[in-house]
């Protein structure tokens, strides 16, 4: 029996969006796709990589103490 662990990202909130385009290495895209698959398995909701990226970046920036000190 496989136990599914919660992901650090958590369920995604509904937010207003602005389009942003960026390039990344193929290896990162593959990792993001694996994360999206794990997200779908964990939360029972399929989500594409493009939807996950802003939430991942927001979570990363919120946890960056050095950055937080400069903006607070």
Protein backbone atom coordinates (compact mmCIF):
# COMPACT_ATOMS: atom_id res chain seq x y z
CA UNK A 1 0.00 0.00 0.00
CA UNK A 2 1.39 3.42 -0.98
CA UNK A 3 0.99 6.34 1.40
CA UNK A 4 0.69 9.71 -0.31
CA UNK A 5 2.42 12.55 1.49
CA UNK A 6 1.30 16.15 1.34
CA UNK A 7 3.36 18.35 -0.93
CA UNK A 8 4.99 21.53 0.28
CA UNK A 9 2.94 23.60 -2.16
CA UNK A 10 -0.51 22.65 -0.87
CA UNK A 11 -3.82 23.14 -2.71
CA UNK A 12 -3.78 26.07 -5.12
CA UNK A 13 -5.83 29.19 -4.34
CA UNK A 14 -7.94 30.92 -6.99
CA UNK A 15 -6.19 34.13 -8.09
CA UNK A 16 -6.17 36.78 -10.81
CA UNK A 17 -3.44 36.10 -13.35
CA UNK A 18 -1.10 38.02 -15.65
CA UNK A 19 0.65 36.25 -18.53
CA UNK A 20 4.43 35.89 -18.25
CA UNK A 21 6.68 33.86 -20.56
CA UNK A 22 10.06 32.39 -19.62
CA UNK A 23 12.50 29.74 -20.83
CA UNK A 24 13.88 26.90 -18.72
CA UNK A 25 16.11 23.86 -19.27
CA UNK A 26 14.40 20.71 -20.55
CA UNK A 27 15.45 18.92 -17.35
CA UNK A 28 13.57 21.48 -15.23
CA UNK A 29 10.47 21.14 -17.41
CA UNK A 30 10.59 17.37 -16.90
CA UNK A 31 10.84 17.85 -13.12
CA UNK A 32 7.92 20.28 -13.18
CA UNK A 33 5.85 17.77 -15.10
CA UNK A 34 6.67 15.08 -12.52
CA UNK A 35 5.68 17.49 -9.76
CA UNK A 36 2.38 18.21 -11.53
CA UNK A 37 1.70 14.47 -11.73
CA UNK A 38 2.45 14.07 -8.02
CA UNK A 39 0.19 17.05 -7.28
CA UNK A 40 -2.67 15.41 -9.18
CA UNK A 41 -2.15 12.15 -7.28
CA UNK A 42 -1.96 13.94 -3.92
CA UNK A 43 -4.91 16.32 -4.29
CA UNK A 44 -7.04 14.51 -6.86
CA UNK A 45 -7.00 17.50 -9.21
CA UNK A 46 -5.03 17.56 -12.45
CA UNK A 47 -3.10 20.78 -12.92
CA UNK A 48 -0.66 21.78 -15.63
CA UNK A 49 2.87 23.03 -15.07
CA UNK A 50 2.00 26.57 -16.18
CA UNK A 51 -0.55 26.80 -13.37
CA UNK A 52 1.88 25.46 -10.76
CA UNK A 53 4.88 27.69 -11.53
CA UNK A 54 3.55 31.00 -10.10
CA UNK A 55 2.46 29.31 -6.88
CA UNK A 56 5.83 27.59 -6.53
CA UNK A 57 7.67 30.88 -7.06
CA UNK A 58 5.42 32.67 -4.57
CA UNK A 59 6.06 29.97 -1.95
CA UNK A 60 9.80 30.11 -2.62
CA UNK A 61 9.95 33.90 -2.27
CA UNK A 62 7.85 33.87 0.90
CA UNK A 63 10.34 31.45 2.46
CA UNK A 64 13.47 33.38 1.43
CA UNK A 65 14.53 35.14 4.65
CA UNK A 66 17.15 37.29 2.94
CA UNK A 67 14.58 38.60 0.49
CA UNK A 68 11.97 39.11 3.21
CA UNK A 69 14.38 41.30 5.20
CA UNK A 70 14.89 43.62 2.23
CA UNK A 71 11.19 44.15 1.51
CA UNK A 72 9.79 44.43 5.04
